[in-house]
PDB file of N, CA and C in Angstrom:
ATOM      1  N   MET A   1      -2.446   1.892   5.214  1.00  0.00           N
ATOM      2  CA  MET A   1      -1.156   1.674   6.580  1.00  0.00           C
ATOM      3  C   MET A   1      -2.802   1.684   7.872  1.00  0.00           C
ATOM      4  N   ALA A   2      -2.185   0.346   8.326  1.00  0.00           N
ATOM      5  CA  ALA A   2      -2.986  -0.565   9.013  1.00  0.00           C
ATOM      6  C   ALA A   2      -3.584   0.715  11.144  1.00  0.00           C
ATOM      7  N   TRP A   3      -2.687   1.247  10.893  1.00  0.00           N
ATOM      8  CA  TRP A   3      -3.118   2.566  12.161  1.00  0.00           C
ATOM      9  C   TRP A   3      -3.958   3.547  12.048  1.00  0.00           C
ATOM     10  N   LEU A   4      -4.142   3.700  10.910  1.00  0.00           N
ATOM     11  CA  LEU A   4      -5.382   4.543  10.481  1.00  0.00           C
ATOM     12  C   LEU A   4      -6.461   4.538  10.618  1.00  0.00           C
ATOM     13  N   SER A   5      -6.744   2.601  10.446  1.00  0.00           N
ATOM     14  CA  SER A   5      -7.533   1.733  11.370  1.00  0.00           C
ATOM     15  C   SER A   5      -7.977   1.568  12.004  1.00  0.00           C
ATOM     16  N   SER A   6      -7.349   2.108  13.359  1.00  0.00           N
ATOM     17  CA  SER A   6      -7.142   1.677  15.070  1.00  0.00           C
ATOM     18  C   SER A   6      -9.100   2.985  14.938  1.00  0.00           C
ATOM     19  N   ASN A   7      -9.515   2.580  16.355  1.00  0.00           N
ATOM     20  CA  ASN A   7     -10.926   2.879  16.791  1.00  0.00           C
ATOM     21  C   ASN A   7     -11.039   4.734  16.888  1.00  0.00           C
ATOM     22  N   VAL A   8      -9.155   4.639  17.589  1.00  0.00           N
ATOM     23  CA  VAL A   8      -8.991   6.018  18.142  1.00  0.00           C
ATOM     24  C   VAL A   8      -9.034   7.819  16.940  1.00  0.00           C
ATOM     25  N   ILE A   9      -8.471   6.774  15.809  1.00  0.00           N
ATOM     26  CA  ILE A   9      -7.930   7.136  14.185  1.00  0.00           C
ATOM     27  C   ILE A   9      -9.600   7.564  13.555  1.00  0.00           C
ATOM     28  N   SER A  10     -10.985   7.402  14.276  1.00  0.00           N
ATOM     29  CA  SER A  10     -11.372   7.907  13.744  1.00  0.00           C
ATOM     30  C   SER A  10     -12.128   8.822  12.836  1.00  0.00           C
ATOM     31  N   SER A  11     -11.242  10.051  13.862  1.00  0.00           N
ATOM     32  CA  SER A  11     -11.602  11.108  12.635  1.00  0.00           C
ATOM     33  C   SER A  11     -10.595  11.565  11.560  1.00  0.00           C
ATOM     34  N   ARG A  12     -10.533  12.320  11.179  1.00  0.00           N
ATOM     35  CA  ARG A  12      -9.651  12.716  10.580  1.00  0.00           C
ATOM     36  C   ARG A  12      -8.583  13.703  11.022  1.00  0.00           C
ATOM     37  N   ILE A  13      -9.996  14.615  11.759  1.00  0.00           N
ATOM     38  CA  ILE A  13      -8.977  16.151  12.534  1.00  0.00           C
ATOM     39  C   ILE A  13      -8.174  15.342  13.538  1.00  0.00           C
ATOM     40  N   VAL A  14      -8.512  14.041  14.039  1.00  0.00           N
ATOM     41  CA  VAL A  14      -7.333  13.153  14.749  1.00  0.00           C
ATOM     42  C   VAL A  14      -6.198  12.687  14.441  1.00  0.00           C
ATOM     43  N   ALA A  15      -6.382  12.126  13.596  1.00  0.00           N
ATOM     44  CA  ALA A  15      -5.849  11.012  12.448  1.00  0.00           C
ATOM     45  C   ALA A  15      -4.025  12.914  12.166  1.00  0.00           C
ATOM     46  N   LEU A  16      -4.650  13.944  11.478  1.00  0.00           N
ATOM     47  CA  LEU A  16      -4.041  14.552  10.888  1.00  0.00           C
ATOM     48  C   LEU A  16      -2.541  15.276  12.116  1.00  0.00           C
ATOM     49  N   GLY A  17      -3.918  15.359  13.770  1.00  0.00           N
ATOM     50  CA  GLY A  17      -3.110  16.155  14.110  1.00  0.00           C
ATOM     51  C   GLY A  17      -1.859  15.140  15.201  1.00  0.00           C
ATOM     52  N   ILE A  18      -2.342  14.116  14.927  1.00  0.00           N
ATOM     53  CA  ILE A  18      -1.231  13.042  15.276  1.00  0.00           C
ATOM     54  C   ILE A  18       0.137  12.614  14.274  1.00  0.00           C
ATOM     55  N   LEU A  19      -0.356  12.929  13.458  1.00  0.00           N
ATOM     56  CA  LEU A  19       0.537  12.821  12.281  1.00  0.00           C
ATOM     57  C   LEU A  19       1.405  14.056  12.410  1.00  0.00           C
ATOM     58  N   GLU A  20       0.818  15.362  12.303  1.00  0.00           N
ATOM     59  CA  GLU A  20       1.794  16.789  12.693  1.00  0.00           C
ATOM     60  C   GLU A  20       2.558  16.618  13.576  1.00  0.00           C
ATOM     61  N   GLY A  21       2.293  16.351  14.411  1.00  0.00           N
ATOM     62  CA  GLY A  21       2.323  16.330  16.037  1.00  0.00           C
ATOM     63  C   GLY A  21       4.127  15.246  15.424  1.00  0.00           C
ATOM     64  N   ILE A  22       3.837  14.267  14.999  1.00  0.00           N
ATOM     65  CA  ILE A  22       4.941  13.033  15.026  1.00  0.00           C
ATOM     66  C   ILE A  22       6.101  14.437  14.005  1.00  0.00           C
ATOM     67  N   GLU A  23       5.682  14.547  12.942  1.00  0.00           N
ATOM     68  CA  GLU A  23       6.598  14.764  12.242  1.00  0.00           C
ATOM     69  C   GLU A  23       6.845  16.026  12.411  1.00  0.00           C
ATOM     70  N   ASP A  24       6.567  17.517  13.468  1.00  0.00           N
ATOM     71  CA  ASP A  24       6.936  17.913  13.804  1.00  0.00           C
ATOM     72  C   ASP A  24       8.177  17.735  14.909  1.00  0.00           C
ATOM     73  N   LEU A  25       8.118  16.358  15.637  1.00  0.00           N
ATOM     74  CA  LEU A  25       9.100  16.386  16.248  1.00  0.00           C
ATOM     75  C   LEU A  25      10.688  15.462  15.798  1.00  0.00           C
ATOM     76  N   ILE A  26       9.816  14.599  14.757  1.00  0.00           N
ATOM     77  CA  ILE A  26      10.976  14.376  13.975  1.00  0.00           C
ATOM     78  C   ILE A  26      12.275  15.074  13.336  1.00  0.00           C
ATOM     79  N   ILE A  27      11.128  16.341  13.190  1.00  0.00           N
ATOM     80  CA  ILE A  27      12.118  17.088  12.232  1.00  0.00           C
ATOM     81  C   ILE A  27      12.642  18.233  12.281  1.00  0.00           C
ATOM     82  N   ASN A  28      12.407  18.508  14.112  1.00  0.00           N
ATOM     83  CA  ASN A  28      12.592  19.429  14.829  1.00  0.00           C
ATOM     84  C   ASN A  28      14.235  18.088  15.678  1.00  0.00           C
ATOM     85  N   GLY A  29      14.240  16.965  15.843  1.00  0.00           N
ATOM     86  CA  GLY A  29      15.030  16.278  15.575  1.00  0.00           C
ATOM     87  C   GLY A  29      14.988  15.595  17.293  1.00  0.00           C
ATOM     88  N   LYS A  30      13.548  15.399  17.655  1.00  0.00           N
ATOM     89  CA  LYS A  30      13.638  15.131  19.020  1.00  0.00           C
ATOM     90  C   LYS A  30      13.987  13.864  19.007  1.00  0.00           C
ATOM     91  N   ILE A  31      12.492  13.372  18.244  1.00  0.00           N
ATOM     92  CA  ILE A  31      12.407  11.916  18.246  1.00  0.00           C
ATOM     93  C   ILE A  31      12.945  11.278  16.851  1.00  0.00           C
ATOM     94  N   LYS A  32      12.994   9.271  16.962  1.00  0.00           N
ATOM     95  CA  LYS A  32      13.434   9.232  15.344  1.00  0.00           C
ATOM     96  C   LYS A  32      11.818   8.868  15.298  1.00  0.00           C
ATOM     97  N   GLY A  33      11.766   8.139  13.704  1.00  0.00           N
ATOM     98  CA  GLY A  33      10.528   8.404  13.525  1.00  0.00           C
ATOM     99  C   GLY A  33      10.345   6.482  13.885  1.00  0.00           C
ATOM    100  N   GLY A  34       9.105   5.871  13.844  1.00  0.00           N
ATOM    101  CA  GLY A  34       9.346   4.090  13.725  1.00  0.00           C
ATOM    102  C   GLY A  34       7.981   3.722  14.485  1.00  0.00           C
ATOM    103  N   ARG A  35       7.913   2.446  14.645  1.00  0.00           N
ATOM    104  CA  ARG A  35       6.361   2.377  15.441  1.00  0.00           C
ATOM    105  C   ARG A  35       6.403   2.468  16.598  1.00  0.00           C
ATOM    106  N   TYR A  36       7.026   3.024  17.143  1.00  0.00           N
ATOM    107  CA  TYR A  36       6.791   3.456  19.230  1.00  0.00           C
ATOM    108  C   TYR A  36       6.497   5.060  18.842  1.00  0.00           C
ATOM    109  N   ALA A  37       6.563   5.216  17.955  1.00  0.00           N
ATOM    110  CA  ALA A  37       6.102   6.649  17.621  1.00  0.00           C
ATOM    111  C   ALA A  37       4.810   6.877  17.207  1.00  0.00           C
ATOM    112  N   PHE A  38       4.123   6.066  16.881  1.00  0.00           N
ATOM    113  CA  PHE A  38       2.618   6.288  16.165  1.00  0.00           C
ATOM    114  C   PHE A  38       2.112   5.091  17.502  1.00  0.00           C
ATOM    115  N   THR A  39       2.701   4.304  17.481  1.00  0.00           N
ATOM    116  CA  THR A  39       1.562   3.240  18.903  1.00  0.00           C
ATOM    117  C   THR A  39       1.828   4.103  19.712  1.00  0.00           C
ATOM    118  N   ASN A  40       2.614   4.995  20.582  1.00  0.00           N
ATOM    119  CA  ASN A  40       2.523   5.339  21.217  1.00  0.00           C
ATOM    120  C   ASN A  40       1.703   7.256  21.407  1.00  0.00           C
ATOM    121  N   ALA A  41       2.049   7.917  20.545  1.00  0.00           N
ATOM    122  CA  ALA A  41       1.270   9.123  20.234  1.00  0.00           C
ATOM    123  C   ALA A  41      -0.990   7.873  20.695  1.00  0.00           C
ATOM    124  N   ASN A  42      -0.939   7.263  20.023  1.00  0.00           N
ATOM    125  CA  ASN A  42      -2.168   6.468  20.097  1.00  0.00           C
ATOM    126  C   ASN A  42      -2.865   6.231  21.454  1.00  0.00           C
ATOM    127  N   LYS A  43      -1.433   5.437  22.296  1.00  0.00           N
ATOM    128  CA  LYS A  43      -2.259   5.551  23.850  1.00  0.00           C
ATOM    129  C   LYS A  43      -2.023   7.327  24.054  1.00  0.00           C
ATOM    130  N   LEU A  44      -1.303   7.900  24.178  1.00  0.00           N
ATOM    131  CA  LEU A  44      -1.499   9.707  24.336  1.00  0.00           C
ATOM    132  C   LEU A  44      -2.658   9.741  23.780  1.00  0.00           C
ATOM    133  N   VAL A  45      -3.646  10.133  23.250  1.00  0.00           N
ATOM    134  CA  VAL A  45      -4.678  10.641  22.666  1.00  0.00           C
ATOM    135  C   VAL A  45      -5.617   9.294  23.513  1.00  0.00           C
ATOM    136  N   ASN A  46      -5.675   8.551  23.453  1.00  0.00           N
ATOM    137  CA  ASN A  46      -6.821   7.658  23.971  1.00  0.00           C
ATOM    138  C   ASN A  46      -6.713   8.216  25.517  1.00  0.00           C
ATOM    139  N   GLN A  47      -5.652   8.707  26.089  1.00  0.00           N
ATOM    140  CA  GLN A  47      -5.145   8.572  27.614  1.00  0.00           C
ATOM    141  C   GLN A  47      -5.786  10.272  28.096  1.00  0.00           C
ATOM    142  N   VAL A  48      -5.951  11.303  26.521  1.00  0.00           N
ATOM    143  CA  VAL A  48      -6.637  12.286  26.652  1.00  0.00           C
ATOM    144  C   VAL A  48      -7.539  12.196  26.597  1.00  0.00           C
ATOM    145  N   GLY A  49      -8.539  11.450  25.356  1.00  0.00           N
ATOM    146  CA  GLY A  49      -9.786  11.290  25.636  1.00  0.00           C
ATOM    147  C   GLY A  49     -10.728  10.633  27.087  1.00  0.00           C
ATOM    148  N   ALA A  50      -9.299   9.875  27.738  1.00  0.00           N
ATOM    149  CA  ALA A  50     -10.277   9.000  28.960  1.00  0.00           C
ATOM    150  C   ALA A  50     -11.101  10.017  29.695  1.00  0.00           C
ATOM    151  N   THR A  51      -9.878  11.755  29.541  1.00  0.00           N
ATOM    152  CA  THR A  51     -10.058  12.253  31.032  1.00  0.00           C
ATOM    153  C   THR A  51     -10.964  13.149  30.142  1.00  0.00           C
ATOM    154  N   GLY A  52     -10.900  13.440  28.771  1.00  0.00           N
ATOM    155  CA  GLY A  52     -11.419  14.496  28.208  1.00  0.00           C
ATOM    156  C   GLY A  52     -12.525  14.521  27.148  1.00  0.00           C
ATOM    157  N   VAL A  53     -13.070  15.177  26.134  1.00  0.00           N
ATOM    158  CA  VAL A  53     -13.743  14.913  24.940  1.00  0.00           C
ATOM    159  C   VAL A  53     -12.635  14.959  23.715  1.00  0.00           C
ATOM    160  N   VAL A  54     -11.950  13.996  23.071  1.00  0.00           N
ATOM    161  CA  VAL A  54     -10.673  14.277  21.979  1.00  0.00           C
ATOM    162  C   VAL A  54     -12.328  15.014  21.040  1.00  0.00           C
ATOM    163  N   ASP A  55     -12.889  14.603  20.954  1.00  0.00           N
ATOM    164  CA  ASP A  55     -13.596  14.903  19.244  1.00  0.00           C
ATOM    165  C   ASP A  55     -13.984  16.779  19.547  1.00  0.00           C
ATOM    166  N   VAL A  56     -13.851  17.307  20.774  1.00  0.00           N
ATOM    167  CA  VAL A  56     -14.220  19.069  20.669  1.00  0.00           C
ATOM    168  C   VAL A  56     -12.895  19.745  20.279  1.00  0.00           C
ATOM    169  N   LEU A  57     -11.724  18.831  20.199  1.00  0.00           N
ATOM    170  CA  LEU A  57     -10.237  19.371  19.990  1.00  0.00           C
ATOM    171  C   LEU A  57     -10.032  19.301  18.798  1.00  0.00           C
ATOM    172  N   ASP A  58      -9.916  20.723  18.400  1.00  0.00           N
ATOM    173  CA  ASP A  58      -9.366  20.439  16.425  1.00  0.00           C
ATOM    174  C   ASP A  58      -8.002  20.157  16.322  1.00  0.00           C
ATOM    175  N   ARG A  59      -7.721  20.019  15.398  1.00  0.00           N
ATOM    176  CA  ARG A  59      -5.995  19.530  15.045  1.00  0.00           C
ATOM    177  C   ARG A  59      -5.065  19.906  15.391  1.00  0.00           C
ATOM    178  N   LYS A  60      -4.779  21.107  15.162  1.00  0.00           N
ATOM    179  CA  LYS A  60      -3.674  22.021  15.961  1.00  0.00           C
ATOM    180  C   LYS A  60      -3.667  21.419  17.944  1.00  0.00           C
ATOM    181  N   ASP A  61      -4.908  21.103  18.365  1.00  0.00           N
ATOM    182  CA  ASP A  61      -4.679  20.890  19.792  1.00  0.00           C
ATOM    183  C   ASP A  61      -4.375  19.577  19.579  1.00  0.00           C
ATOM    184  N   ILE A  62      -3.932  18.890  19.109  1.00  0.00           N
ATOM    185  CA  ILE A  62      -3.907  17.489  18.868  1.00  0.00           C
ATOM    186  C   ILE A  62      -2.834  17.223  18.837  1.00  0.00           C
ATOM    187  N   LYS A  63      -2.006  18.134  18.223  1.00  0.00           N
ATOM    188  CA  LYS A  63      -0.870  18.277  17.653  1.00  0.00           C
ATOM    189  C   LYS A  63       0.020  18.524  18.635  1.00  0.00           C
ATOM    190  N   GLU A  64      -0.048  19.464  19.810  1.00  0.00           N
ATOM    191  CA  GLU A  64       0.425  20.114  20.318  1.00  0.00           C
ATOM    192  C   GLU A  64       0.077  19.415  21.929  1.00  0.00           C
ATOM    193  N   ILE A  65      -0.812  18.756  21.830  1.00  0.00           N
ATOM    194  CA  ILE A  65      -0.658  16.997  22.876  1.00  0.00           C
ATOM    195  C   ILE A  65       0.912  16.593  22.688  1.00  0.00           C
ATOM    196  N   VAL A  66       0.793  15.620  21.562  1.00  0.00           N
ATOM    197  CA  VAL A  66       1.452  14.889  20.776  1.00  0.00           C
ATOM    198  C   VAL A  66       3.092  15.455  20.804  1.00  0.00           C
ATOM    199  N   VAL A  67       2.762  16.601  20.261  1.00  0.00           N
ATOM    200  CA  VAL A  67       4.335  17.336  20.354  1.00  0.00           C
ATOM    201  C   VAL A  67       5.153  17.489  22.070  1.00  0.00           C
ATOM    202  N   SER A  68       4.439  17.921  22.618  1.00  0.00           N
ATOM    203  CA  SER A  68       4.561  18.459  24.138  1.00  0.00           C
ATOM    204  C   SER A  68       4.886  16.966  24.778  1.00  0.00           C
ATOM    205  N   ASP A  69       4.097  15.811  24.662  1.00  0.00           N
ATOM    206  CA  ASP A  69       4.174  14.829  25.562  1.00  0.00           C
ATOM    207  C   ASP A  69       4.779  13.795  25.226  1.00  0.00           C
ATOM    208  N   LEU A  70       5.090  13.042  23.706  1.00  0.00           N
ATOM    209  CA  LEU A  70       5.281  11.987  23.443  1.00  0.00           C
ATOM    210  C   LEU A  70       6.758  11.553  23.433  1.00  0.00           C
ATOM    211  N   ASP A  71       7.560  12.724  23.349  1.00  0.00           N
ATOM    212  CA  ASP A  71       9.137  12.113  23.423  1.00  0.00           C
ATOM    213  C   ASP A  71       9.181  12.139  24.562  1.00  0.00           C
ATOM    214  N   ALA A  72       8.422  11.554  25.774  1.00  0.00           N
ATOM    215  CA  ALA A  72       8.675  11.786  27.172  1.00  0.00           C
ATOM    216  C   ALA A  72       8.496  10.148  27.426  1.00  0.00           C
ATOM    217  N   MET A  73       7.558   9.535  26.329  1.00  0.00           N
ATOM    218  CA  MET A  73       7.168   8.702  26.288  1.00  0.00           C
ATOM    219  C   MET A  73       7.305   7.348  26.187  1.00  0.00           C
ATOM    220  N   ASP A  74       7.913   5.895  27.065  1.00  0.00           N
ATOM    221  CA  ASP A  74       8.034   4.580  27.085  1.00  0.00           C
ATOM    222  C   ASP A  74       8.527   4.522  25.874  1.00  0.00           C
ATOM    223  N   LYS A  75       9.669   3.734  25.480  1.00  0.00           N
ATOM    224  CA  LYS A  75       9.756   3.371  23.580  1.00  0.00           C
ATOM    225  C   LYS A  75      10.179   4.016  22.808  1.00  0.00           C
ATOM    226  N   THR A  76       9.631   5.776  22.773  1.00  0.00           N
ATOM    227  CA  THR A  76       9.855   6.615  21.609  1.00  0.00           C
ATOM    228  C   THR A  76      11.108   6.069  22.057  1.00  0.00           C
ATOM    229  N   GLN A  77      11.981   6.432  19.989  1.00  0.00           N
ATOM    230  CA  GLN A  77      12.705   6.440  20.502  1.00  0.00           C
ATOM    231  C   GLN A  77      13.467   8.268  20.311  1.00  0.00           C
ATOM    232  N   VAL A  78      13.946   8.676  21.344  1.00  0.00           N
ATOM    233  CA  VAL A  78      14.155   9.595  20.750  1.00  0.00           C
ATOM    234  C   VAL A  78      15.918  10.172  20.343  1.00  0.00           C
ATOM    235  N   ASN A  79      16.401  11.568  19.977  1.00  0.00           N
ATOM    236  CA  ASN A  79      17.701  11.612  19.531  1.00  0.00           C
ATOM    237  C   ASN A  79      19.001  11.948  20.312  1.00  0.00           C
TER     238      ASN A  79
END
């Protein structure tokens, strides 16, 4: 998947945290899966990286960031 070649996804922990967050939101019916879920999750993590150090966050922290904020982002398809 091309998404995983993104510079923000250079860390396996970050990638898995994003995927788990998106999966959690889809399973709980908060968003629909699709391109915008992934691109907006990348934007969200980039924003966090600009204000904090993403490398010190663990997988669970990344997942919580995605779960708490992704459904409110522009173009993310909500259920």
